[in-house]
Amino acid sequence: MLTSRSSLLRNPEDKLKKRFSHRLRRASDDIPEVHFIGEICEGVGFKGTYVSCRWYTEWGKSWTLLEGEESSQTQYTASNVWNHPLDLHFASTSMLEWPRIIVQVWTLDSHGRSMLAGYGFTHLPTNPGEHELEINCWKPTNGTIREKLEELFRGKTPSCHLDEDVIFGKAWENRSRLTTVSSGKIKLNVNVVLRFFNDHNVLPPSQVF
């Protein structure tokens, strides 16, 4: 988490409206910027003939996406290696609610049925430089014999009954009520570039001391 003398800059909404009122897809003049460049490399430990990863990013109200895709999906592959590009450019007036990436892993079985293989998320790095990340994934389990048979023969998983706000937005309140199992890992390589942070007395953790 970034450390700042003032975690919130003055009049953030007014500054963002002024800078991006015409939704210009270019760098801002002096508002702190963060550029995440990398790839979703591979999945490890997932069961299935072919595996794909759907992903999207979330960020706070003080953040603005200047360039890049906020969500996408990798190809299905038998090797679980995707090398799917990740390129996001943000401007922000607050270090609160730092962007995070949320993933859903899906598999195709031998009958071509799409089945849930896992959920997971992680916050993107705050320090500049290259980072190797791992997202530990989990999935809900079918408890009754009938539910297990439906998953085996019909490909039906509990994902149909889950609200993503329960999974992520209110995780601490609701995840304890779910029965889950570990399902695998997603590996990412991410490079972080910071701009104009020093102008606002904002330092990454590695430079605090």
C-alpha atoms as a PDB file:
ATOM      1  CA  MET A   1       0.000   0.000   0.000  1.00  0.00           C
ATOM      2  CA  LEU A   2       1.342   3.440  -0.891  1.00  0.00           C
ATOM      3  CA  THR A   3       2.308   5.881   1.834  1.00  0.00           C
ATOM      4  CA  SER A   4       1.487   9.559   1.433  1.00  0.00           C
ATOM      5  CA  ARG A   5       1.520  12.716   3.514  1.00  0.00           C
ATOM      6  CA  SER A   6      -1.990  13.234   2.247  1.00  0.00           C
ATOM      7  CA  SER A   7      -3.721  10.172   0.834  1.00  0.00           C
ATOM      8  CA  LEU A   8      -6.359  12.309  -0.871  1.00  0.00           C
ATOM      9  CA  LEU A   9      -5.479  15.247  -3.138  1.00  0.00           C
ATOM     10  CA  ARG A  10      -7.539  18.407  -3.089  1.00  0.00           C
ATOM     11  CA  ASN A  11     -10.794  18.438  -5.077  1.00  0.00           C
ATOM     12  CA  PRO A  12     -10.176  15.139  -6.885  1.00  0.00           C
ATOM     13  CA  GLU A  13     -13.485  15.101  -8.744  1.00  0.00           C
ATOM     14  CA  ASP A  14     -13.059  18.656 -10.033  1.00  0.00           C
ATOM     15  CA  LYS A  15      -9.520  17.954 -11.204  1.00  0.00           C
ATOM     16  CA  LEU A  16     -10.515  14.784 -13.012  1.00  0.00           C
ATOM     17  CA  LYS A  17     -13.519  16.437 -14.679  1.00  0.00           C
ATOM     18  CA  LYS A  18     -11.303  19.275 -15.831  1.00  0.00           C
ATOM     19  CA  ARG A  19      -8.587  17.004 -17.176  1.00  0.00           C
ATOM     20  CA  PHE A  20     -10.832  14.354 -18.755  1.00  0.00           C
ATOM     21  CA  SER A  21     -14.049  16.235 -19.548  1.00  0.00           C
ATOM     22  CA  HIS A  22     -13.740  15.244 -23.220  1.00  0.00           C
ATOM     23  CA  ARG A  23     -12.558  11.721 -22.380  1.00  0.00           C
ATOM     24  CA  LEU A  24      -9.172  12.375 -23.937  1.00  0.00           C
ATOM     25  CA  ARG A  25      -7.230   9.143 -24.213  1.00  0.00           C
ATOM     26  CA  ARG A  26      -3.894  10.717 -23.424  1.00  0.00           C
ATOM     27  CA  ALA A  27      -1.679  11.194 -20.387  1.00  0.00           C
ATOM     28  CA  SER A  28      -2.763  13.838 -17.877  1.00  0.00           C
ATOM     29  CA  ASP A  29      -0.524  16.843 -17.191  1.00  0.00           C
ATOM     30  CA  ASP A  30       0.339  16.348 -13.543  1.00  0.00           C
ATOM     31  CA  ILE A  31      -2.150  13.945 -11.955  1.00  0.00           C
ATOM     32  CA  PRO A  32      -0.394  10.789 -10.670  1.00  0.00           C
ATOM     33  CA  GLU A  33      -0.457   7.986 -13.226  1.00  0.00           C
ATOM     34  CA  VAL A  34       0.077   4.232 -13.015  1.00  0.00           C
ATOM     35  CA  HIS A  35       0.799   1.989 -15.986  1.00  0.00           C
ATOM     36  CA  PHE A  36       0.452  -1.800 -15.608  1.00  0.00           C
ATOM     37  CA  ILE A  37       2.040  -3.784 -18.457  1.00  0.00           C
ATOM     38  CA  GLY A  38       2.403  -7.549 -18.512  1.00  0.00           C
ATOM     39  CA  GLU A  39       0.639 -10.799 -19.235  1.00  0.00           C
ATOM     40  CA  ILE A  40      -1.526 -13.507 -17.752  1.00  0.00           C
ATOM     41  CA  CYS A  41       0.949 -16.333 -18.218  1.00  0.00           C
ATOM     42  CA  GLU A  42      -0.639 -19.645 -17.328  1.00  0.00           C
ATOM     43  CA  GLY A  43      -2.891 -21.683 -15.090  1.00  0.00           C
ATOM     44  CA  VAL A  44      -1.519 -24.417 -12.846  1.00  0.00           C
ATOM     45  CA  GLY A  45      -3.401 -27.318 -11.298  1.00  0.00           C
ATOM     46  CA  PHE A  46      -6.774 -26.927 -13.014  1.00  0.00           C
ATOM     47  CA  LYS A  47      -8.583 -30.062 -14.124  1.00  0.00           C
ATOM     48  CA  GLY A  48     -10.108 -30.064 -17.584  1.00  0.00           C
ATOM     49  CA  THR A  49      -9.359 -30.812 -21.220  1.00  0.00           C
ATOM     50  CA  TYR A  50      -9.164 -27.136 -22.197  1.00  0.00           C
ATOM     51  CA  VAL A  51      -8.833 -24.182 -19.819  1.00  0.00           C
ATOM     52  CA  SER A  52      -9.565 -20.473 -20.234  1.00  0.00           C
ATOM     53  CA  CYS A  53      -9.369 -17.448 -17.925  1.00  0.00           C
ATOM     54  CA  ARG A  54     -11.889 -14.624 -17.903  1.00  0.00           C
ATOM     55  CA  TRP A  55     -10.665 -11.515 -16.116  1.00  0.00           C
ATOM     56  CA  TYR A  56     -11.687  -7.985 -15.302  1.00  0.00           C
ATOM     57  CA  THR A  57     -10.323  -5.145 -13.204  1.00  0.00           C
ATOM     58  CA  GLU A  58     -11.889  -3.012 -10.473  1.00  0.00           C
ATOM     59  CA  TRP A  59     -10.779   0.341  -9.082  1.00  0.00           C
ATOM     60  CA  GLY A  60     -12.027   3.156  -6.850  1.00  0.00           C
ATOM     61  CA  LYS A  61     -14.018   6.280  -7.677  1.00  0.00           C
ATOM     62  CA  SER A  62     -10.891   8.455  -7.721  1.00  0.00           C
ATOM     63  CA  TRP A  63      -9.326   6.389 -10.504  1.00  0.00           C
ATOM     64  CA  THR A  64      -9.764   6.923 -14.245  1.00  0.00           C
ATOM     65  CA  LEU A  65      -8.787   4.422 -16.918  1.00  0.00           C
ATOM     66  CA  LEU A  66      -6.912   6.346 -19.627  1.00  0.00           C
ATOM     67  CA  GLU A  67      -6.116   3.454 -21.942  1.00  0.00           C
ATOM     68  CA  GLY A  68      -6.407  -0.308 -22.084  1.00  0.00           C
ATOM     69  CA  GLU A  69      -9.040  -3.022 -21.809  1.00  0.00           C
ATOM     70  CA  GLU A  70     -10.598  -3.428 -18.394  1.00  0.00           C
ATOM     71  CA  SER A  71     -11.772  -7.000 -19.089  1.00  0.00           C
ATOM     72  CA  SER A  72     -11.142  -9.828 -21.514  1.00  0.00           C
ATOM     73  CA  GLN A  73     -10.780 -13.600 -21.835  1.00  0.00           C
ATOM     74  CA  THR A  74      -7.898 -15.812 -22.848  1.00  0.00           C
ATOM     75  CA  GLN A  75      -8.100 -18.549 -25.439  1.00  0.00           C
ATOM     76  CA  TYR A  76      -8.952 -22.116 -24.436  1.00  0.00           C
ATOM     77  CA  THR A  77      -5.811 -24.226 -24.421  1.00  0.00           C
ATOM     78  CA  ALA A  78      -4.863 -27.757 -23.445  1.00  0.00           C
ATOM     79  CA  SER A  79      -1.463 -26.688 -22.151  1.00  0.00           C
ATOM     80  CA  ASN A  80      -2.913 -24.055 -19.756  1.00  0.00           C
ATOM     81  CA  VAL A  81      -0.387 -21.538 -21.138  1.00  0.00           C
ATOM     82  CA  TRP A  82      -2.014 -18.314 -22.377  1.00  0.00           C
ATOM     83  CA  ASN A  83       0.534 -15.447 -22.464  1.00  0.00           C
ATOM     84  CA  HIS A  84      -2.458 -13.111 -22.647  1.00  0.00           C
ATOM     85  CA  PRO A  85      -1.462  -9.400 -22.750  1.00  0.00           C
ATOM     86  CA  LEU A  86      -2.338  -7.013 -19.924  1.00  0.00           C
ATOM     87  CA  ASP A  87      -1.980  -3.263 -20.530  1.00  0.00           C
ATOM     88  CA  LEU A  88      -3.742  -0.707 -18.296  1.00  0.00           C
ATOM     89  CA  HIS A  89      -3.000   3.011 -17.906  1.00  0.00           C
ATOM     90  CA  PHE A  90      -4.650   4.874 -14.996  1.00  0.00           C
ATOM     91  CA  ALA A  91      -4.717   8.368 -13.526  1.00  0.00           C
ATOM     92  CA  SER A  92      -5.729   8.798  -9.894  1.00  0.00           C
ATOM     93  CA  THR A  93      -6.217  11.499  -7.296  1.00  0.00           C
ATOM     94  CA  SER A  94      -6.194   9.062  -4.380  1.00  0.00           C
ATOM     95  CA  MET A  95      -4.231   5.991  -3.389  1.00  0.00           C
ATOM     96  CA  LEU A  96      -7.342   4.451  -1.861  1.00  0.00           C
ATOM     97  CA  GLU A  97      -9.048   1.523  -3.617  1.00  0.00           C
ATOM     98  CA  TRP A  98      -5.979   0.523  -5.633  1.00  0.00           C
ATOM     99  CA  PRO A  99      -6.873  -1.512  -8.761  1.00  0.00           C
ATOM    100  CA  ARG A 100      -7.233  -5.262  -8.490  1.00  0.00           C
ATOM    101  CA  ILE A 101      -7.687  -8.015 -11.036  1.00  0.00           C
ATOM    102  CA  ILE A 102     -10.434 -10.609 -10.648  1.00  0.00           C
ATOM    103  CA  VAL A 103     -10.355 -13.919 -12.507  1.00  0.00           C
ATOM    104  CA  GLN A 104     -12.754 -16.706 -13.350  1.00  0.00           C
ATOM    105  CA  VAL A 105     -11.319 -19.941 -14.726  1.00  0.00           C
ATOM    106  CA  TRP A 106     -13.457 -22.127 -16.980  1.00  0.00           C
ATOM    107  CA  THR A 107     -12.808 -25.513 -18.523  1.00  0.00           C
ATOM    108  CA  LEU A 108     -14.248 -27.445 -21.446  1.00  0.00           C
ATOM    109  CA  ASP A 109     -14.739 -31.137 -20.848  1.00  0.00           C
ATOM    110  CA  SER A 110     -14.635 -33.894 -23.473  1.00  0.00           C
ATOM    111  CA  HIS A 111     -18.297 -33.152 -24.336  1.00  0.00           C
ATOM    112  CA  GLY A 112     -17.654 -29.462 -24.960  1.00  0.00           C
ATOM    113  CA  ARG A 113     -19.429 -28.320 -21.801  1.00  0.00           C
ATOM    114  CA  SER A 114     -18.168 -25.167 -20.088  1.00  0.00           C
ATOM    115  CA  MET A 115     -17.652 -25.696 -16.358  1.00  0.00           C
ATOM    116  CA  LEU A 116     -16.453 -23.424 -13.577  1.00  0.00           C
ATOM    117  CA  ALA A 117     -12.928 -24.210 -12.427  1.00  0.00           C
ATOM    118  CA  GLY A 118     -12.205 -21.379 -10.010  1.00  0.00           C
ATOM    119  CA  TYR A 119     -12.497 -17.806  -8.748  1.00  0.00           C
ATOM    120  CA  GLY A 120      -9.671 -15.592  -7.512  1.00  0.00           C
ATOM    121  CA  PHE A 121      -8.359 -12.047  -7.247  1.00  0.00           C
ATOM    122  CA  THR A 122      -5.327 -10.023  -6.253  1.00  0.00           C
ATOM    123  CA  HIS A 123      -4.433  -6.344  -6.004  1.00  0.00           C
ATOM    124  CA  LEU A 124      -2.035  -5.130  -8.646  1.00  0.00           C
ATOM    125  CA  PRO A 125       1.453  -4.197  -7.350  1.00  0.00           C
ATOM    126  CA  THR A 126       2.115  -0.742  -5.879  1.00  0.00           C
ATOM    127  CA  ASN A 127       5.909  -0.694  -6.327  1.00  0.00           C
ATOM    128  CA  PRO A 128       7.460   0.216  -9.691  1.00  0.00           C
ATOM    129  CA  GLY A 129       9.323  -2.544 -11.493  1.00  0.00           C
ATOM    130  CA  GLU A 130       8.704  -6.122 -12.550  1.00  0.00           C
ATOM    131  CA  HIS A 131       6.536  -8.449 -10.438  1.00  0.00           C
ATOM    132  CA  GLU A 132       5.588 -12.119 -10.604  1.00  0.00           C
ATOM    133  CA  LEU A 133       2.142 -12.732  -9.123  1.00  0.00           C
ATOM    134  CA  GLU A 134       0.166 -15.841  -8.250  1.00  0.00           C
ATOM    135  CA  ILE A 135      -3.595 -15.894  -7.729  1.00  0.00           C
ATOM    136  CA  ASN A 136      -4.799 -18.815  -5.626  1.00  0.00           C
ATOM    137  CA  CYS A 137      -8.184 -19.893  -6.966  1.00  0.00           C
ATOM    138  CA  TRP A 138     -11.091 -21.652  -5.296  1.00  0.00           C
ATOM    139  CA  LYS A 139     -14.523 -22.863  -6.283  1.00  0.00           C
ATOM    140  CA  PRO A 140     -17.750 -23.750  -4.456  1.00  0.00           C
ATOM    141  CA  THR A 141     -18.401 -27.421  -3.928  1.00  0.00           C
ATOM    142  CA  ASN A 142     -21.575 -29.360  -4.540  1.00  0.00           C
ATOM    143  CA  GLY A 143     -22.622 -30.767  -1.207  1.00  0.00           C
ATOM    144  CA  THR A 144     -25.423 -33.277  -1.869  1.00  0.00           C
ATOM    145  CA  ILE A 145     -25.237 -36.445  -3.943  1.00  0.00           C
ATOM    146  CA  ARG A 146     -27.772 -34.999  -6.386  1.00  0.00           C
ATOM    147  CA  GLU A 147     -25.665 -31.860  -6.918  1.00  0.00           C
ATOM    148  CA  LYS A 148     -22.543 -33.939  -7.490  1.00  0.00           C
ATOM    149  CA  LEU A 149     -24.368 -36.063 -10.077  1.00  0.00           C
ATOM    150  CA  GLU A 150     -25.651 -32.911 -11.824  1.00  0.00           C
ATOM    151  CA  GLU A 151     -22.092 -31.593 -12.023  1.00  0.00           C
ATOM    152  CA  LEU A 152     -20.816 -34.910 -13.388  1.00  0.00           C
ATOM    153  CA  PHE A 153     -23.512 -35.531 -16.022  1.00  0.00           C
ATOM    154  CA  ARG A 154     -24.906 -32.059 -16.772  1.00  0.00           C
ATOM    155  CA  GLY A 155     -21.912 -29.829 -16.048  1.00  0.00           C
ATOM    156  CA  LYS A 156     -23.961 -27.784 -13.593  1.00  0.00           C
ATOM    157  CA  THR A 157     -21.893 -25.931 -10.986  1.00  0.00           C
ATOM    158  CA  PRO A 158     -22.823 -23.711  -8.017  1.00  0.00           C
ATOM    159  CA  SER A 159     -21.602 -20.642  -9.929  1.00  0.00           C
ATOM    160  CA  CYS A 160     -25.132 -20.275 -11.293  1.00  0.00           C
ATOM    161  CA  HIS A 161     -26.370 -19.353  -7.828  1.00  0.00           C
ATOM    162  CA  LEU A 162     -23.592 -17.019  -6.683  1.00  0.00           C
ATOM    163  CA  ASP A 163     -23.634 -13.229  -6.769  1.00  0.00           C
ATOM    164  CA  GLU A 164     -20.184 -11.784  -7.456  1.00  0.00           C
ATOM    165  CA  ASP A 165     -20.820  -9.174  -4.779  1.00  0.00           C
ATOM    166  CA  VAL A 166     -20.995 -12.072  -2.324  1.00  0.00           C
ATOM    167  CA  ILE A 167     -17.766 -13.544  -3.672  1.00  0.00           C
ATOM    168  CA  PHE A 168     -15.692 -10.363  -3.778  1.00  0.00           C
ATOM    169  CA  GLY A 169     -17.494  -7.201  -2.648  1.00  0.00           C
ATOM    170  CA  LYS A 170     -18.673  -8.619   0.678  1.00  0.00           C
ATOM    171  CA  ALA A 171     -16.234 -11.494   0.909  1.00  0.00           C
ATOM    172  CA  TRP A 172     -15.478 -11.219   4.625  1.00  0.00           C
ATOM    173  CA  GLU A 173     -19.184 -11.272   5.488  1.00  0.00           C
ATOM    174  CA  ASN A 174     -20.371 -14.018   3.180  1.00  0.00           C
ATOM    175  CA  ARG A 175     -17.499 -16.266   2.092  1.00  0.00           C
ATOM    176  CA  SER A 176     -17.490 -18.016   5.471  1.00  0.00           C
ATOM    177  CA  ARG A 177     -20.929 -19.412   4.631  1.00  0.00           C
ATOM    178  CA  LEU A 178     -19.700 -21.123   1.465  1.00  0.00           C
ATOM    179  CA  THR A 179     -18.128 -24.558   1.234  1.00  0.00           C
ATOM    180  CA  THR A 180     -15.156 -24.265  -1.122  1.00  0.00           C
ATOM    181  CA  VAL A 181     -12.090 -26.153  -2.302  1.00  0.00           C
ATOM    182  CA  SER A 182      -8.804 -25.003  -3.807  1.00  0.00           C
ATOM    183  CA  SER A 183      -8.709 -25.478  -7.562  1.00  0.00           C
ATOM    184  CA  GLY A 184      -5.419 -24.100  -8.924  1.00  0.00           C
ATOM    185  CA  LYS A 185      -3.299 -20.998  -9.501  1.00  0.00           C
ATOM    186  CA  ILE A 186      -3.037 -18.251 -12.095  1.00  0.00           C
ATOM    187  CA  LYS A 187       0.440 -16.840 -12.776  1.00  0.00           C
ATOM    188  CA  LEU A 188       0.995 -13.276 -13.990  1.00  0.00           C
ATOM    189  CA  ASN A 189       3.948 -11.071 -14.878  1.00  0.00           C
ATOM    190  CA  VAL A 190       3.287  -7.371 -14.309  1.00  0.00           C
ATOM    191  CA  ASN A 191       5.514  -4.332 -14.802  1.00  0.00           C
ATOM    192  CA  VAL A 192       4.520  -1.146 -12.959  1.00  0.00           C
ATOM    193  CA  VAL A 193       5.432   2.364 -14.090  1.00  0.00           C
ATOM    194  CA  LEU A 194       4.611   5.370 -11.859  1.00  0.00           C
ATOM    195  CA  ARG A 195       4.486   8.994 -13.018  1.00  0.00           C
ATOM    196  CA  PHE A 196       4.035  12.323 -11.181  1.00  0.00           C
ATOM    197  CA  PHE A 197       3.915  10.612  -7.779  1.00  0.00           C
ATOM    198  CA  ASN A 198       6.863  12.556  -6.389  1.00  0.00           C
ATOM    199  CA  ASP A 199       5.193  15.825  -7.390  1.00  0.00           C
ATOM    200  CA  HIS A 200       2.481  15.063  -4.831  1.00  0.00           C
ATOM    201  CA  ASN A 201       4.772  13.684  -2.092  1.00  0.00           C
ATOM    202  CA  VAL A 202       3.576  10.151  -2.687  1.00  0.00           C
ATOM    203  CA  LEU A 203       6.185   7.416  -2.361  1.00  0.00           C
ATOM    204  CA  PRO A 204       6.008   3.658  -2.949  1.00  0.00           C
ATOM    205  CA  PRO A 205       6.820   1.512   0.121  1.00  0.00           C
ATOM    206  CA  SER A 206      10.358   0.726  -1.064  1.00  0.00           C
ATOM    207  CA  GLN A 207      11.249   4.433  -0.906  1.00  0.00           C
ATOM    208  CA  VAL A 208       9.633   5.338   2.432  1.00  0.00           C
ATOM    209  CA  PHE A 209      12.674   4.564   4.606  1.00  0.00           C
END
